[in-house]
Amino acid sequence: MKKLCSLSLVLLLCASCLIGCGKETAAGNLTKVTLNEVAHSIFYAPMYVAIENGYFEEEGIDLTLVTGFGADKTMTALLTDEADIGFMGSESTIYTYAGGTQDYAVNFAQLTQRAGNFLVSRTPIEDFTWDMVIGADVLGGRAGGMPEMVFEYILKKNNIDPALDVNIDQSIDFGSTAAAFSGGQGDFTVEFEPHATALEQKGDGYVVASLGEDSGYVPYTAFSAKKSYIEENPEIIQAFTNALQKGMDYVNTHSPEEIAEVIKPQFPETDLETLTIIVTRYYEQETWKEDLVFSEDSFDLLQNILKDSNVLEEEVPYADLVNTTFAEEAK
């Protein structure tokens, strides 16, 4: 009986070792993917949920996240193979295609459907209307970038000429406008979170309008990869998109408090209360789509915004620059 027990114990230990080895092998077989994001922002919560909840690992991906600090830098990283996948405003893929790049970037998953920035005033305004920026000094965004173009799109919707009626300062680097505003520059500034809330908390500014609400549904950010990478690695793109969809499903079925709790490790410098306020702001304006499909209507709207901003002369084909196969499969 003792021999039988000993034999059973040995077999159990061997089985445990084999199980452990199997886990190590599985972990070792994860495919390394480098993702370059345009900025590290709470605006992109579904992606961080996918990271923190282990959805990429579930899909067989060992993800490395790099912040590019600007769509131009993210696109450069993508085209020079420093990154496998880029996350940025889709206008960059249009510029690259229109510029004649042969192995251009193709959008395969749209994350946000509204602009993520806010108009911050130096003084509180209870009933803000857009005509209040006429004649004012506004700290805007980079010319040709989505933040600035959506801002100008809203002005035009309200019969305001961005070139003649408003003094827009586009000389300040992305991410530095809030500090410049705190230092006394401008009557208004266009800010992403957490800068908009931080200005309010310091008493240096007051959020008076959401560009996301006032511009309507706009395909603000999407994931893209070089055409050759997608053709050579469809299984990686599908796995990546599957993980993202799980993140989208989570934010659409959980409260802002729960979302903030999950993504907190991505923003250690932001306390949970502030993080929850910001997530709630994005949540209530329906920032995130339910799926990742980049529709042709959205692409047409984007091109109209680019043409209105005089940065695009001729439209480019949706069929070349958008691949919805992976997003449709992931739904």
C-alpha atoms as a PDB file:
ATOM      1  CA  MET A   1       0.000   0.000   0.000  1.00  0.00           C
ATOM      2  CA  LYS A   2       2.881   2.350   0.904  1.00  0.00           C
ATOM      3  CA  LYS A   3       4.551   1.526  -2.441  1.00  0.00           C
ATOM      4  CA  LEU A   4       1.303   2.293  -4.272  1.00  0.00           C
ATOM      5  CA  CYS A   5       0.969   5.638  -2.479  1.00  0.00           C
ATOM      6  CA  SER A   6       4.599   6.482  -3.253  1.00  0.00           C
ATOM      7  CA  LEU A   7       4.097   5.610  -6.912  1.00  0.00           C
ATOM      8  CA  SER A   8       0.957   7.761  -7.020  1.00  0.00           C
ATOM      9  CA  LEU A   9       2.846  10.656  -5.472  1.00  0.00           C
ATOM     10  CA  VAL A  10       5.645  10.377  -8.031  1.00  0.00           C
ATOM     11  CA  LEU A  11       3.144  10.297 -10.893  1.00  0.00           C
ATOM     12  CA  LEU A  12       1.360  13.345  -9.469  1.00  0.00           C
ATOM     13  CA  LEU A  13       4.612  15.277  -9.205  1.00  0.00           C
ATOM     14  CA  CYS A  14       5.553  14.362 -12.769  1.00  0.00           C
ATOM     15  CA  ALA A  15       2.166  15.491 -14.013  1.00  0.00           C
ATOM     16  CA  SER A  16       2.570  18.784 -12.168  1.00  0.00           C
ATOM     17  CA  CYS A  17       5.952  19.314 -13.768  1.00  0.00           C
ATOM     18  CA  LEU A  18       4.535  18.594 -17.211  1.00  0.00           C
ATOM     19  CA  ILE A  19       1.687  21.056 -16.641  1.00  0.00           C
ATOM     20  CA  GLY A  20       4.172  23.683 -15.510  1.00  0.00           C
ATOM     21  CA  CYS A  21       6.350  23.061 -18.539  1.00  0.00           C
ATOM     22  CA  GLY A  22       3.314  23.383 -20.755  1.00  0.00           C
ATOM     23  CA  LYS A  23       2.552  26.831 -19.340  1.00  0.00           C
ATOM     24  CA  GLU A  24       6.130  27.965 -19.865  1.00  0.00           C
ATOM     25  CA  THR A  25       6.055  26.698 -23.426  1.00  0.00           C
ATOM     26  CA  ALA A  26       2.783  28.499 -24.110  1.00  0.00           C
ATOM     27  CA  ALA A  27       4.164  31.720 -22.665  1.00  0.00           C
ATOM     28  CA  GLY A  28       7.315  31.291 -24.736  1.00  0.00           C
ATOM     29  CA  ASN A  29       5.241  30.912 -27.885  1.00  0.00           C
ATOM     30  CA  LEU A  30       3.591  34.319 -27.630  1.00  0.00           C
ATOM     31  CA  THR A  31       4.136  36.419 -30.743  1.00  0.00           C
ATOM     32  CA  LYS A  32       5.931  39.693 -30.061  1.00  0.00           C
ATOM     33  CA  VAL A  33       4.096  42.733 -31.436  1.00  0.00           C
ATOM     34  CA  THR A  34       5.203  46.349 -31.055  1.00  0.00           C
ATOM     35  CA  LEU A  35       2.389  48.903 -30.948  1.00  0.00           C
ATOM     36  CA  ASN A  36       3.206  52.601 -31.272  1.00  0.00           C
ATOM     37  CA  GLU A  37       0.460  54.861 -29.894  1.00  0.00           C
ATOM     38  CA  VAL A  38       0.166  58.525 -30.815  1.00  0.00           C
ATOM     39  CA  ALA A  39      -0.222  59.519 -27.141  1.00  0.00           C
ATOM     40  CA  HIS A  40      -0.828  57.842 -23.805  1.00  0.00           C
ATOM     41  CA  SER A  41      -4.312  59.031 -22.943  1.00  0.00           C
ATOM     42  CA  ILE A  42      -7.323  57.899 -20.921  1.00  0.00           C
ATOM     43  CA  PHE A  43      -9.184  58.627 -24.159  1.00  0.00           C
ATOM     44  CA  TYR A  44      -7.987  55.202 -25.336  1.00  0.00           C
ATOM     45  CA  ALA A  45      -9.353  53.253 -22.348  1.00  0.00           C
ATOM     46  CA  PRO A  46     -10.529  50.126 -24.244  1.00  0.00           C
ATOM     47  CA  MET A  47      -6.968  49.445 -25.412  1.00  0.00           C
ATOM     48  CA  TYR A  48      -5.611  49.701 -21.867  1.00  0.00           C
ATOM     49  CA  VAL A  49      -8.400  47.452 -20.581  1.00  0.00           C
ATOM     50  CA  ALA A  50      -7.284  44.868 -23.149  1.00  0.00           C
ATOM     51  CA  ILE A  51      -3.700  45.195 -21.885  1.00  0.00           C
ATOM     52  CA  GLU A  52      -4.460  45.123 -18.171  1.00  0.00           C
ATOM     53  CA  ASN A  53      -7.003  42.283 -18.407  1.00  0.00           C
ATOM     54  CA  GLY A  54      -4.574  40.093 -20.328  1.00  0.00           C
ATOM     55  CA  TYR A  55      -6.631  39.901 -23.515  1.00  0.00           C
ATOM     56  CA  PHE A  56      -3.574  40.159 -25.772  1.00  0.00           C
ATOM     57  CA  GLU A  57      -1.900  37.249 -23.986  1.00  0.00           C
ATOM     58  CA  GLU A  58      -5.125  35.263 -24.348  1.00  0.00           C
ATOM     59  CA  GLU A  59      -4.857  35.812 -28.084  1.00  0.00           C
ATOM     60  CA  GLY A  60      -1.202  34.746 -28.175  1.00  0.00           C
ATOM     61  CA  ILE A  61       0.387  38.202 -28.326  1.00  0.00           C
ATOM     62  CA  ASP A  62       3.280  39.563 -26.255  1.00  0.00           C
ATOM     63  CA  LEU A  63       2.578  43.285 -26.675  1.00  0.00           C
ATOM     64  CA  THR A  64       5.140  46.055 -26.330  1.00  0.00           C
ATOM     65  CA  LEU A  65       3.538  49.508 -26.096  1.00  0.00           C
ATOM     66  CA  VAL A  66       5.531  52.562 -27.183  1.00  0.00           C
ATOM     67  CA  THR A  67       4.275  56.155 -27.149  1.00  0.00           C
ATOM     68  CA  GLY A  68       5.142  58.138 -30.269  1.00  0.00           C
ATOM     69  CA  PHE A  69       4.079  61.603 -29.019  1.00  0.00           C
ATOM     70  CA  GLY A  70       2.556  62.685 -32.322  1.00  0.00           C
ATOM     71  CA  ALA A  71       0.929  61.065 -35.355  1.00  0.00           C
ATOM     72  CA  ASP A  72       3.876  61.992 -37.584  1.00  0.00           C
ATOM     73  CA  LYS A  73       6.281  60.154 -35.275  1.00  0.00           C
ATOM     74  CA  THR A  74       3.969  57.143 -34.965  1.00  0.00           C
ATOM     75  CA  MET A  75       3.638  56.899 -38.744  1.00  0.00           C
ATOM     76  CA  THR A  76       7.414  57.163 -39.169  1.00  0.00           C
ATOM     77  CA  ALA A  77       7.894  54.311 -36.687  1.00  0.00           C
ATOM     78  CA  LEU A  78       5.391  52.215 -38.618  1.00  0.00           C
ATOM     79  CA  LEU A  79       6.896  52.848 -42.064  1.00  0.00           C
ATOM     80  CA  THR A  80      10.457  52.204 -40.839  1.00  0.00           C
ATOM     81  CA  ASP A  81       9.466  48.919 -39.143  1.00  0.00           C
ATOM     82  CA  GLU A  82      10.186  50.211 -35.641  1.00  0.00           C
ATOM     83  CA  ALA A  83       6.548  49.313 -34.937  1.00  0.00           C
ATOM     84  CA  ASP A  84       4.322  46.546 -36.289  1.00  0.00           C
ATOM     85  CA  ILE A  85       1.079  48.412 -35.623  1.00  0.00           C
ATOM     86  CA  GLY A  86       0.369  52.118 -35.293  1.00  0.00           C
ATOM     87  CA  PHE A  87      -2.444  53.796 -33.383  1.00  0.00           C
ATOM     88  CA  MET A  88      -3.178  57.374 -34.480  1.00  0.00           C
ATOM     89  CA  GLY A  89      -5.562  59.614 -36.331  1.00  0.00           C
ATOM     90  CA  SER A  90      -6.488  58.043 -39.682  1.00  0.00           C
ATOM     91  CA  GLU A  91      -5.670  61.267 -41.494  1.00  0.00           C
ATOM     92  CA  SER A  92      -2.019  60.190 -41.323  1.00  0.00           C
ATOM     93  CA  THR A  93      -2.760  57.093 -43.405  1.00  0.00           C
ATOM     94  CA  ILE A  94      -4.474  59.296 -45.989  1.00  0.00           C
ATOM     95  CA  TYR A  95      -1.512  61.692 -46.157  1.00  0.00           C
ATOM     96  CA  THR A  96       0.907  58.790 -46.595  1.00  0.00           C
ATOM     97  CA  TYR A  97      -1.154  57.195 -49.349  1.00  0.00           C
ATOM     98  CA  ALA A  98      -1.694  60.504 -51.153  1.00  0.00           C
ATOM     99  CA  GLY A  99       2.046  61.141 -50.940  1.00  0.00           C
ATOM    100  CA  GLY A 100       2.738  58.068 -53.054  1.00  0.00           C
ATOM    101  CA  THR A 101       4.077  55.621 -50.472  1.00  0.00           C
ATOM    102  CA  GLN A 102       3.956  52.155 -52.051  1.00  0.00           C
ATOM    103  CA  ASP A 103       3.779  50.073 -48.869  1.00  0.00           C
ATOM    104  CA  TYR A 104       1.260  52.371 -47.221  1.00  0.00           C
ATOM    105  CA  ALA A 105      -0.568  51.966 -43.904  1.00  0.00           C
ATOM    106  CA  VAL A 106      -4.023  50.351 -43.918  1.00  0.00           C
ATOM    107  CA  ASN A 107      -6.603  50.963 -41.168  1.00  0.00           C
ATOM    108  CA  PHE A 108      -8.047  47.738 -39.778  1.00  0.00           C
ATOM    109  CA  ALA A 109      -9.758  48.765 -36.524  1.00  0.00           C
ATOM    110  CA  GLN A 110     -11.393  52.028 -35.400  1.00  0.00           C
ATOM    111  CA  LEU A 111     -11.347  52.689 -31.652  1.00  0.00           C
ATOM    112  CA  THR A 112     -12.913  56.106 -30.992  1.00  0.00           C
ATOM    113  CA  GLN A 113     -15.923  57.679 -32.669  1.00  0.00           C
ATOM    114  CA  ARG A 114     -15.778  61.128 -31.095  1.00  0.00           C
ATOM    115  CA  ALA A 115     -13.091  63.734 -30.566  1.00  0.00           C
ATOM    116  CA  GLY A 116     -11.455  63.437 -27.162  1.00  0.00           C
ATOM    117  CA  ASN A 117     -10.559  67.045 -26.469  1.00  0.00           C
ATOM    118  CA  PHE A 118     -12.307  69.880 -24.677  1.00  0.00           C
ATOM    119  CA  LEU A 119     -12.385  73.645 -24.906  1.00  0.00           C
ATOM    120  CA  VAL A 120     -11.040  75.178 -21.701  1.00  0.00           C
ATOM    121  CA  SER A 121     -11.745  78.817 -20.833  1.00  0.00           C
ATOM    122  CA  ARG A 122      -9.696  81.041 -18.559  1.00  0.00           C
ATOM    123  CA  THR A 123     -12.890  82.105 -16.790  1.00  0.00           C
ATOM    124  CA  PRO A 124     -16.053  80.130 -15.972  1.00  0.00           C
ATOM    125  CA  ILE A 125     -18.832  80.382 -18.582  1.00  0.00           C
ATOM    126  CA  GLU A 126     -22.217  78.933 -17.659  1.00  0.00           C
ATOM    127  CA  ASP A 127     -23.946  79.046 -21.045  1.00  0.00           C
ATOM    128  CA  PHE A 128     -21.124  78.779 -23.536  1.00  0.00           C
ATOM    129  CA  THR A 129     -21.795  79.307 -27.244  1.00  0.00           C
ATOM    130  CA  TRP A 130     -19.153  79.038 -29.933  1.00  0.00           C
ATOM    131  CA  ASP A 131     -19.481  82.669 -31.016  1.00  0.00           C
ATOM    132  CA  MET A 132     -17.760  83.519 -27.724  1.00  0.00           C
ATOM    133  CA  VAL A 133     -14.404  82.534 -29.267  1.00  0.00           C
ATOM    134  CA  ILE A 134     -14.688  85.183 -31.996  1.00  0.00           C
ATOM    135  CA  GLY A 135     -11.763  87.572 -31.575  1.00  0.00           C
ATOM    136  CA  ALA A 136     -10.242  85.423 -28.830  1.00  0.00           C
ATOM    137  CA  ASP A 137      -6.749  83.936 -28.579  1.00  0.00           C
ATOM    138  CA  VAL A 138      -6.972  80.128 -28.653  1.00  0.00           C
ATOM    139  CA  LEU A 139      -4.153  77.625 -28.120  1.00  0.00           C
ATOM    140  CA  GLY A 140      -4.890  75.078 -30.842  1.00  0.00           C
ATOM    141  CA  GLY A 141      -3.193  71.997 -32.253  1.00  0.00           C
ATOM    142  CA  ARG A 142      -0.752  71.119 -35.000  1.00  0.00           C
ATOM    143  CA  ALA A 143      -1.885  72.171 -38.472  1.00  0.00           C
ATOM    144  CA  GLY A 144      -3.193  69.110 -40.311  1.00  0.00           C
ATOM    145  CA  GLY A 145      -3.722  67.134 -37.098  1.00  0.00           C
ATOM    146  CA  MET A 146      -7.120  65.853 -36.031  1.00  0.00           C
ATOM    147  CA  PRO A 147      -7.445  68.018 -32.876  1.00  0.00           C
ATOM    148  CA  GLU A 148      -6.989  71.218 -34.871  1.00  0.00           C
ATOM    149  CA  MET A 149      -9.068  70.110 -37.844  1.00  0.00           C
ATOM    150  CA  VAL A 150     -12.019  69.022 -35.692  1.00  0.00           C
ATOM    151  CA  PHE A 151     -11.816  72.347 -33.843  1.00  0.00           C
ATOM    152  CA  GLU A 152     -11.945  74.221 -37.152  1.00  0.00           C
ATOM    153  CA  TYR A 153     -14.739  71.926 -38.379  1.00  0.00           C
ATOM    154  CA  ILE A 154     -16.854  72.935 -35.364  1.00  0.00           C
ATOM    155  CA  LEU A 155     -16.113  76.626 -35.917  1.00  0.00           C
ATOM    156  CA  LYS A 156     -17.242  76.369 -39.535  1.00  0.00           C
ATOM    157  CA  LYS A 157     -20.408  74.524 -38.470  1.00  0.00           C
ATOM    158  CA  ASN A 158     -21.133  77.591 -36.338  1.00  0.00           C
ATOM    159  CA  ASN A 159     -20.432  80.024 -39.215  1.00  0.00           C
ATOM    160  CA  ILE A 160     -17.090  81.101 -37.758  1.00  0.00           C
ATOM    161  CA  ASP A 161     -14.084  81.499 -40.052  1.00  0.00           C
ATOM    162  CA  PRO A 162     -11.057  79.953 -38.268  1.00  0.00           C
ATOM    163  CA  ALA A 163      -8.628  82.086 -40.260  1.00  0.00           C
ATOM    164  CA  LEU A 164     -10.376  85.436 -39.882  1.00  0.00           C
ATOM    165  CA  ASP A 165     -12.543  85.314 -36.763  1.00  0.00           C
ATOM    166  CA  VAL A 166     -10.268  83.548 -34.246  1.00  0.00           C
ATOM    167  CA  ASN A 167      -6.599  83.941 -33.339  1.00  0.00           C
ATOM    168  CA  ILE A 168      -5.422  80.315 -33.222  1.00  0.00           C
ATOM    169  CA  ASP A 169      -1.883  79.693 -31.976  1.00  0.00           C
ATOM    170  CA  GLN A 170      -0.528  76.492 -33.567  1.00  0.00           C
ATOM    171  CA  SER A 171       3.105  77.023 -32.558  1.00  0.00           C
ATOM    172  CA  ILE A 172       3.057  75.135 -29.245  1.00  0.00           C
ATOM    173  CA  ASP A 173       4.071  71.468 -29.128  1.00  0.00           C
ATOM    174  CA  PHE A 174       1.461  68.793 -28.446  1.00  0.00           C
ATOM    175  CA  GLY A 175       1.191  68.258 -24.707  1.00  0.00           C
ATOM    176  CA  SER A 176       2.623  71.672 -23.824  1.00  0.00           C
ATOM    177  CA  THR A 177      -0.458  73.827 -24.386  1.00  0.00           C
ATOM    178  CA  ALA A 178      -1.839  73.273 -20.876  1.00  0.00           C
ATOM    179  CA  ALA A 179       1.386  74.522 -19.289  1.00  0.00           C
ATOM    180  CA  ALA A 180       1.390  77.523 -21.636  1.00  0.00           C
ATOM    181  CA  PHE A 181      -2.221  78.251 -20.705  1.00  0.00           C
ATOM    182  CA  SER A 182      -1.389  78.044 -16.995  1.00  0.00           C
ATOM    183  CA  GLY A 183       1.434  80.469 -17.705  1.00  0.00           C
ATOM    184  CA  GLY A 184      -1.010  83.049 -19.022  1.00  0.00           C
ATOM    185  CA  GLN A 185      -1.112  82.427 -22.764  1.00  0.00           C
ATOM    186  CA  GLY A 186      -4.492  82.441 -24.517  1.00  0.00           C
ATOM    187  CA  ASP A 187      -8.112  83.061 -23.612  1.00  0.00           C
ATOM    188  CA  PHE A 188      -9.030  79.457 -24.461  1.00  0.00           C
ATOM    189  CA  THR A 189      -7.109  76.239 -25.013  1.00  0.00           C
ATOM    190  CA  VAL A 190      -8.074  72.948 -26.661  1.00  0.00           C
ATOM    191  CA  GLU A 191      -7.016  70.129 -24.342  1.00  0.00           C
ATOM    192  CA  PHE A 192      -7.105  66.352 -24.054  1.00  0.00           C
ATOM    193  CA  GLU A 193      -7.454  64.670 -20.730  1.00  0.00           C
ATOM    194  CA  PRO A 194      -5.984  64.587 -18.176  1.00  0.00           C
ATOM    195  CA  HIS A 195      -4.848  68.167 -18.935  1.00  0.00           C
ATOM    196  CA  ALA A 196      -8.385  69.589 -19.125  1.00  0.00           C
ATOM    197  CA  THR A 197      -9.324  68.237 -15.693  1.00  0.00           C
ATOM    198  CA  ALA A 198      -5.912  69.179 -14.261  1.00  0.00           C
ATOM    199  CA  LEU A 199      -6.429  72.801 -15.327  1.00  0.00           C
ATOM    200  CA  GLU A 200      -9.805  72.779 -13.573  1.00  0.00           C
ATOM    201  CA  GLN A 201      -8.377  71.249 -10.414  1.00  0.00           C
ATOM    202  CA  LYS A 202      -5.647  73.907 -10.263  1.00  0.00           C
ATOM    203  CA  GLY A 203      -8.164  76.666 -10.882  1.00  0.00           C
ATOM    204  CA  ASP A 204      -6.341  77.712 -14.038  1.00  0.00           C
ATOM    205  CA  GLY A 205      -9.175  76.911 -16.438  1.00  0.00           C
ATOM    206  CA  TYR A 206     -12.726  75.700 -16.858  1.00  0.00           C
ATOM    207  CA  VAL A 207     -14.074  73.153 -19.349  1.00  0.00           C
ATOM    208  CA  VAL A 208     -16.842  74.912 -21.277  1.00  0.00           C
ATOM    209  CA  ALA A 209     -17.390  72.623 -24.286  1.00  0.00           C
ATOM    210  CA  SER A 210     -16.734  69.083 -25.520  1.00  0.00           C
ATOM    211  CA  LEU A 211     -15.398  68.932 -29.070  1.00  0.00           C
ATOM    212  CA  GLY A 212     -16.545  65.321 -29.148  1.00  0.00           C
ATOM    213  CA  GLU A 213     -20.165  66.273 -28.550  1.00  0.00           C
ATOM    214  CA  ASP A 214     -20.183  69.344 -30.786  1.00  0.00           C
ATOM    215  CA  SER A 215     -18.463  67.724 -33.775  1.00  0.00           C
ATOM    216  CA  GLY A 216     -20.675  64.615 -33.772  1.00  0.00           C
ATOM    217  CA  TYR A 217     -19.435  61.138 -34.643  1.00  0.00           C
ATOM    218  CA  VAL A 218     -15.962  61.424 -36.163  1.00  0.00           C
ATOM    219  CA  PRO A 219     -13.517  58.531 -36.813  1.00  0.00           C
ATOM    220  CA  TYR A 220     -10.889  60.059 -34.576  1.00  0.00           C
ATOM    221  CA  THR A 221      -8.382  57.245 -34.026  1.00  0.00           C
ATOM    222  CA  ALA A 222      -7.732  53.851 -35.575  1.00  0.00           C
ATOM    223  CA  PHE A 223      -5.171  51.050 -35.680  1.00  0.00           C
ATOM    224  CA  SER A 224      -3.181  50.530 -38.853  1.00  0.00           C
ATOM    225  CA  ALA A 225      -0.346  48.422 -40.208  1.00  0.00           C
ATOM    226  CA  LYS A 226       1.633  48.414 -43.418  1.00  0.00           C
ATOM    227  CA  LYS A 227      -0.123  46.702 -46.298  1.00  0.00           C
ATOM    228  CA  SER A 228       2.679  44.152 -46.535  1.00  0.00           C
ATOM    229  CA  TYR A 229       2.525  43.348 -42.806  1.00  0.00           C
ATOM    230  CA  ILE A 230      -1.211  42.684 -42.977  1.00  0.00           C
ATOM    231  CA  GLU A 231      -0.799  40.486 -46.051  1.00  0.00           C
ATOM    232  CA  GLU A 232       2.029  38.507 -44.434  1.00  0.00           C
ATOM    233  CA  ASN A 233       0.567  38.281 -40.907  1.00  0.00           C
ATOM    234  CA  PRO A 234      -3.250  38.072 -41.103  1.00  0.00           C
ATOM    235  CA  GLU A 235      -3.386  35.769 -38.069  1.00  0.00           C
ATOM    236  CA  ILE A 236      -1.527  38.333 -35.928  1.00  0.00           C
ATOM    237  CA  ILE A 237      -3.817  41.159 -37.045  1.00  0.00           C
ATOM    238  CA  GLN A 238      -6.858  38.995 -36.290  1.00  0.00           C
ATOM    239  CA  ALA A 239      -5.570  38.060 -32.832  1.00  0.00           C
ATOM    240  CA  PHE A 240      -4.741  41.703 -32.101  1.00  0.00           C
ATOM    241  CA  THR A 241      -8.219  42.801 -33.214  1.00  0.00           C
ATOM    242  CA  ASN A 242      -9.863  40.054 -31.144  1.00  0.00           C
ATOM    243  CA  ALA A 243      -8.077  41.338 -28.038  1.00  0.00           C
ATOM    244  CA  LEU A 244      -9.165  44.903 -28.764  1.00  0.00           C
ATOM    245  CA  GLN A 245     -12.783  43.806 -29.208  1.00  0.00           C
ATOM    246  CA  LYS A 246     -12.692  42.197 -25.767  1.00  0.00           C
ATOM    247  CA  GLY A 247     -11.567  45.564 -24.404  1.00  0.00           C
ATOM    248  CA  MET A 248     -14.419  47.289 -26.245  1.00  0.00           C
ATOM    249  CA  ASP A 249     -16.898  44.773 -24.883  1.00  0.00           C
ATOM    250  CA  TYR A 250     -15.642  45.451 -21.360  1.00  0.00           C
ATOM    251  CA  VAL A 251     -16.040  49.241 -21.484  1.00  0.00           C
ATOM    252  CA  ASN A 252     -19.505  48.873 -22.989  1.00  0.00           C
ATOM    253  CA  THR A 253     -20.691  46.552 -20.214  1.00  0.00           C
ATOM    254  CA  HIS A 254     -19.011  48.055 -17.137  1.00  0.00           C
ATOM    255  CA  SER A 255     -19.278  51.290 -15.195  1.00  0.00           C
ATOM    256  CA  PRO A 256     -16.782  54.176 -15.386  1.00  0.00           C
ATOM    257  CA  GLU A 257     -15.691  53.283 -11.856  1.00  0.00           C
ATOM    258  CA  GLU A 258     -14.864  49.718 -12.913  1.00  0.00           C
ATOM    259  CA  ILE A 259     -13.086  50.877 -16.080  1.00  0.00           C
ATOM    260  CA  ALA A 260     -10.996  53.381 -14.101  1.00  0.00           C
ATOM    261  CA  GLU A 261     -10.004  50.668 -11.621  1.00  0.00           C
ATOM    262  CA  VAL A 262      -8.784  48.387 -14.421  1.00  0.00           C
ATOM    263  CA  ILE A 263      -6.702  50.995 -16.277  1.00  0.00           C
ATOM    264  CA  LYS A 264      -5.252  52.634 -13.145  1.00  0.00           C
ATOM    265  CA  PRO A 265      -1.839  50.886 -13.536  1.00  0.00           C
ATOM    266  CA  GLN A 266      -1.444  52.641 -16.900  1.00  0.00           C
ATOM    267  CA  PHE A 267      -1.765  56.044 -15.215  1.00  0.00           C
ATOM    268  CA  PRO A 268       0.073  55.810 -11.876  1.00  0.00           C
ATOM    269  CA  GLU A 269       0.433  59.605 -11.700  1.00  0.00           C
ATOM    270  CA  THR A 270      -3.366  60.094 -11.744  1.00  0.00           C
ATOM    271  CA  ASP A 271      -5.357  59.365  -8.588  1.00  0.00           C
ATOM    272  CA  LEU A 272      -8.348  57.051  -8.918  1.00  0.00           C
ATOM    273  CA  GLU A 273     -10.918  59.785  -8.243  1.00  0.00           C
ATOM    274  CA  THR A 274      -9.581  61.988 -11.027  1.00  0.00           C
ATOM    275  CA  LEU A 275      -9.265  58.998 -13.331  1.00  0.00           C
ATOM    276  CA  THR A 276     -12.917  58.120 -12.704  1.00  0.00           C
ATOM    277  CA  ILE A 277     -14.026  61.703 -13.463  1.00  0.00           C
ATOM    278  CA  ILE A 278     -12.204  61.592 -16.799  1.00  0.00           C
ATOM    279  CA  VAL A 279     -13.450  58.125 -17.766  1.00  0.00           C
ATOM    280  CA  THR A 280     -16.995  59.237 -16.905  1.00  0.00           C
ATOM    281  CA  ARG A 281     -16.630  62.252 -19.197  1.00  0.00           C
ATOM    282  CA  TYR A 282     -15.652  60.038 -22.115  1.00  0.00           C
ATOM    283  CA  TYR A 283     -18.171  57.353 -21.209  1.00  0.00           C
ATOM    284  CA  GLU A 284     -21.140  59.744 -21.127  1.00  0.00           C
ATOM    285  CA  GLN A 285     -20.381  61.244 -24.547  1.00  0.00           C
ATOM    286  CA  GLU A 286     -20.206  57.762 -26.158  1.00  0.00           C
ATOM    287  CA  THR A 287     -16.561  58.106 -27.087  1.00  0.00           C
ATOM    288  CA  TRP A 288     -16.022  54.417 -27.813  1.00  0.00           C
ATOM    289  CA  LYS A 289     -17.646  52.317 -30.502  1.00  0.00           C
ATOM    290  CA  GLU A 290     -19.309  48.977 -29.780  1.00  0.00           C
ATOM    291  CA  ASP A 291     -17.255  47.305 -32.486  1.00  0.00           C
ATOM    292  CA  LEU A 292     -14.060  48.121 -34.383  1.00  0.00           C
ATOM    293  CA  VAL A 293     -15.488  48.344 -37.904  1.00  0.00           C
ATOM    294  CA  PHE A 294     -14.330  51.461 -39.752  1.00  0.00           C
ATOM    295  CA  SER A 295     -17.316  52.214 -41.979  1.00  0.00           C
ATOM    296  CA  GLU A 296     -17.176  53.919 -45.361  1.00  0.00           C
ATOM    297  CA  ASP A 297     -19.502  56.693 -44.139  1.00  0.00           C
ATOM    298  CA  SER A 298     -17.019  57.529 -41.377  1.00  0.00           C
ATOM    299  CA  PHE A 299     -14.139  57.518 -43.822  1.00  0.00           C
ATOM    300  CA  ASP A 300     -16.038  59.858 -46.150  1.00  0.00           C
ATOM    301  CA  LEU A 301     -16.714  62.239 -43.249  1.00  0.00           C
ATOM    302  CA  LEU A 302     -13.016  62.235 -42.370  1.00  0.00           C
ATOM    303  CA  GLN A 303     -12.079  63.109 -45.932  1.00  0.00           C
ATOM    304  CA  ASN A 304     -14.627  65.920 -45.974  1.00  0.00           C
ATOM    305  CA  ILE A 305     -13.028  67.379 -42.846  1.00  0.00           C
ATOM    306  CA  LEU A 306      -9.601  67.153 -44.483  1.00  0.00           C
ATOM    307  CA  LYS A 307     -10.843  68.863 -47.642  1.00  0.00           C
ATOM    308  CA  ASP A 308     -12.547  71.609 -45.626  1.00  0.00           C
ATOM    309  CA  SER A 309      -9.208  72.180 -43.885  1.00  0.00           C
ATOM    310  CA  ASN A 310      -7.434  72.414 -47.266  1.00  0.00           C
ATOM    311  CA  VAL A 311      -5.009  69.595 -46.469  1.00  0.00           C
ATOM    312  CA  LEU A 312      -6.455  67.133 -49.007  1.00  0.00           C
ATOM    313  CA  GLU A 313      -7.046  67.946 -52.649  1.00  0.00           C
ATOM    314  CA  GLU A 314      -8.322  64.628 -53.996  1.00  0.00           C
ATOM    315  CA  GLU A 315     -10.115  61.854 -52.147  1.00  0.00           C
ATOM    316  CA  VAL A 316      -8.375  58.513 -51.731  1.00  0.00           C
ATOM    317  CA  PRO A 317     -10.143  55.130 -52.110  1.00  0.00           C
ATOM    318  CA  TYR A 318     -11.737  53.636 -49.007  1.00  0.00           C
ATOM    319  CA  ALA A 319     -11.130  50.122 -50.366  1.00  0.00           C
ATOM    320  CA  ASP A 320      -7.365  50.699 -50.370  1.00  0.00           C
ATOM    321  CA  LEU A 321      -7.021  52.307 -46.964  1.00  0.00           C
ATOM    322  CA  VAL A 322      -9.547  50.389 -44.862  1.00  0.00           C
ATOM    323  CA  ASN A 323      -9.769  46.642 -44.260  1.00  0.00           C
ATOM    324  CA  THR A 324     -12.811  45.659 -42.177  1.00  0.00           C
ATOM    325  CA  THR A 325     -12.301  41.866 -42.439  1.00  0.00           C
ATOM    326  CA  PHE A 326     -10.621  41.514 -39.047  1.00  0.00           C
ATOM    327  CA  ALA A 327     -13.035  43.785 -37.168  1.00  0.00           C
ATOM    328  CA  GLU A 328     -16.042  42.016 -38.663  1.00  0.00           C
ATOM    329  CA  GLU A 329     -14.624  38.650 -37.618  1.00  0.00           C
ATOM    330  CA  ALA A 330     -13.921  39.902 -34.087  1.00  0.00           C
ATOM    331  CA  LYS A 331     -17.486  41.128 -33.453  1.00  0.00           C
END
